[in-house]
Structures are given as structure tokens and as C-alpha cells.
Amino acid sequence: MPSYKDIQRQIATLQRQADEARKKEVAAAIADIRAKMDEYGLTVADIQKGATKGAAKGGRGKRAGKAAPAARSASAPQPKYKDPVSGSTWSGRGRKPGWIIAAIEQNRPLDDFLIK
């Protein structure tokens, strides 16, 4: 059975390999996106508003003739908890931030961090 240090070295090696693989895959994805943007004459603004130039001009874009999807609420959830040390906040939704995890590990109740 490998030792703890051996496993930690393997983890570090695998993390470096994962980081390198991600960089290569992200670079390839960006190149593909740029090529498609050039091919269709798209800009970042076109992508942000969710319409293609062809569809906006009455062309037969991918979404031409289809109803627009329902819009999501643009407002972020209000913070519910606040770290008195760093001032960081958390809405209580999603993954717990490190400061909340540390507090739980120290058996501190979440009520200690409620924003009043």
C-alpha cells in the first residue's frame, strides 16, 4: 500500500496533468468558437444578446420562427450570511464557502453569521 506522501505526490502530479489538459482543451474550444464567429460574422454582442445576425435581420437563423425562452431573473439572491472577519457573504444557496465550512467544523452555529 502506498504511503500518504506517495499518494500526495500522485495527486499533485495528476493535478498538474489535469491543469495542462484543461489549458489545451480550453485553447482548442476558444479557437473553435472564434472560427465559428468568423464563419458566421458574429460578435461578442451578438452572443450576449442571444440572437444571430441572420435571425435579427429576418434570416433563417437557428432560432428563427421560434418563441424566445422565458427570461430569468436578473437579480442575484440576497446574502443571508456574512463572515465578520473577511466581510464575505453567502446567500445560503449552492456550495458552502470555505469560511462557512470552517465554522461548521468548529461547531459554530450558522445563526452566528446571519445578516440582521
Protein backbone atom coordinates (compact mmCIF):
# COMPACT_ATOMS: atom_id res chain seq x y z
CA MET A 1 0.00 0.00 0.00
CA PRO A 2 1.46 3.40 -0.94
CA SER A 3 2.26 5.86 1.83
CA TYR A 4 0.39 9.08 2.43
CA LYS A 5 3.28 11.10 0.93
CA ASP A 6 3.31 8.91 -2.17
CA ILE A 7 -0.41 9.45 -2.65
CA GLN A 8 0.00 13.21 -2.15
CA ARG A 9 2.75 13.26 -4.81
CA GLN A 10 0.48 11.34 -7.17
CA ILE A 11 -2.33 13.81 -6.52
CA ALA A 12 -0.02 16.75 -7.23
CA THR A 13 1.20 15.10 -10.45
CA LEU A 14 -2.33 14.34 -11.58
CA GLN A 15 -3.45 17.88 -10.74
CA ARG A 16 -0.64 19.31 -12.90
CA GLN A 17 -1.61 16.96 -15.72
CA ALA A 18 -5.27 17.94 -15.36
CA ASP A 19 -4.36 21.64 -15.43
CA GLU A 20 -2.28 21.16 -18.59
CA ALA A 21 -5.03 19.13 -20.26
CA ARG A 22 -7.60 21.78 -19.35
CA LYS A 23 -5.44 24.56 -20.78
CA LYS A 24 -5.12 22.67 -24.07
CA GLU A 25 -8.84 21.89 -24.23
CA VAL A 26 -9.81 25.47 -23.39
CA ALA A 27 -7.45 26.78 -26.07
CA ALA A 28 -8.99 24.40 -28.62
CA ALA A 29 -12.53 25.41 -27.57
CA ILE A 30 -11.67 29.10 -27.89
CA ALA A 31 -10.15 28.52 -31.34
CA ASP A 32 -13.30 26.65 -32.39
CA ILE A 33 -15.56 29.41 -31.07
CA ARG A 34 -13.51 32.10 -32.82
CA ALA A 35 -13.62 30.15 -36.08
CA LYS A 36 -17.41 29.82 -35.86
CA MET A 37 -17.75 33.51 -35.00
CA ASP A 38 -15.66 34.40 -38.07
CA GLU A 39 -17.60 31.96 -40.27
CA TYR A 40 -20.96 33.45 -39.31
CA GLY A 41 -19.81 37.04 -38.80
CA LEU A 42 -20.75 37.06 -35.13
CA THR A 43 -19.55 39.45 -32.45
CA VAL A 44 -19.49 39.12 -28.69
CA ALA A 45 -22.51 41.44 -28.57
CA ASP A 46 -24.46 39.01 -30.78
CA ILE A 47 -23.70 36.17 -28.40
CA GLN A 48 -24.56 38.19 -25.29
CA LYS A 49 -27.98 39.16 -26.59
CA GLY A 50 -28.64 35.60 -27.72
CA ALA A 51 -29.57 36.38 -31.34
CA THR A 52 -27.64 35.73 -34.52
CA LYS A 53 -27.23 38.47 -37.11
CA GLY A 54 -29.16 36.37 -39.61
CA ALA A 55 -32.10 35.89 -37.29
CA ALA A 56 -32.06 39.56 -36.29
CA LYS A 57 -32.28 40.56 -39.97
CA GLY A 58 -35.12 38.16 -40.70
CA GLY A 59 -32.86 35.37 -41.94
CA ARG A 60 -33.26 31.69 -41.25
CA GLY A 61 -31.13 31.56 -38.13
CA LYS A 62 -31.19 28.58 -35.80
CA ARG A 63 -33.96 30.14 -33.69
CA ALA A 64 -35.89 31.87 -36.46
CA GLY A 65 -39.62 31.40 -36.03
CA LYS A 66 -39.35 30.05 -32.51
CA ALA A 67 -40.60 31.78 -29.39
CA ALA A 68 -37.98 33.29 -27.13
CA PRO A 69 -37.28 31.36 -23.93
CA ALA A 70 -38.59 32.78 -20.67
CA ALA A 71 -36.18 35.30 -19.18
CA ARG A 72 -34.53 34.50 -15.87
CA SER A 73 -34.50 36.94 -13.05
CA ALA A 74 -31.50 39.24 -13.46
CA SER A 75 -31.09 39.85 -9.74
CA ALA A 76 -28.76 37.72 -7.66
CA PRO A 77 -30.05 36.25 -4.40
CA GLN A 78 -29.55 38.48 -1.38
CA PRO A 79 -26.79 37.43 1.01
CA LYS A 80 -28.02 35.72 4.14
CA TYR A 81 -24.73 35.10 5.98
CA LYS A 82 -21.67 37.30 6.47
CA ASP A 83 -18.16 36.49 7.66
CA PRO A 84 -17.31 39.11 10.31
CA VAL A 85 -13.58 38.70 9.64
CA SER A 86 -13.35 38.99 5.84
CA GLY A 87 -16.73 40.56 5.12
CA SER A 88 -17.51 37.79 2.61
CA THR A 89 -21.16 36.92 2.19
CA TRP A 90 -23.16 33.84 1.19
CA SER A 91 -26.79 33.59 0.14
CA GLY A 92 -27.28 30.17 1.69
CA ARG A 93 -27.66 28.67 -1.79
CA GLY A 94 -25.19 26.50 -3.63
CA ARG A 95 -21.84 25.31 -2.42
CA LYS A 96 -20.81 26.42 1.06
CA PRO A 97 -17.85 28.82 1.09
CA GLY A 98 -14.69 27.88 2.99
CA TRP A 99 -15.38 30.20 5.90
CA ILE A 100 -18.77 28.55 6.49
CA ILE A 101 -17.25 25.08 6.29
CA ALA A 102 -14.54 26.08 8.78
CA ALA A 103 -17.17 27.48 11.15
CA ILE A 104 -19.22 24.28 10.95
CA GLU A 105 -16.10 22.23 11.67
CA GLN A 106 -15.60 24.38 14.78
CA ASN A 107 -19.20 23.60 15.83
CA ARG A 108 -20.31 27.21 15.40
CA PRO A 109 -23.99 27.62 14.51
CA LEU A 110 -24.86 29.32 11.23
CA ASP A 111 -27.06 31.73 13.18
CA ASP A 112 -23.81 33.40 14.34
CA PHE A 113 -23.32 34.60 10.77
CA LEU A 114 -26.87 35.67 9.89
CA ILE A 115 -27.17 39.16 8.46
CA LYS A 116 -29.65 41.03 10.58
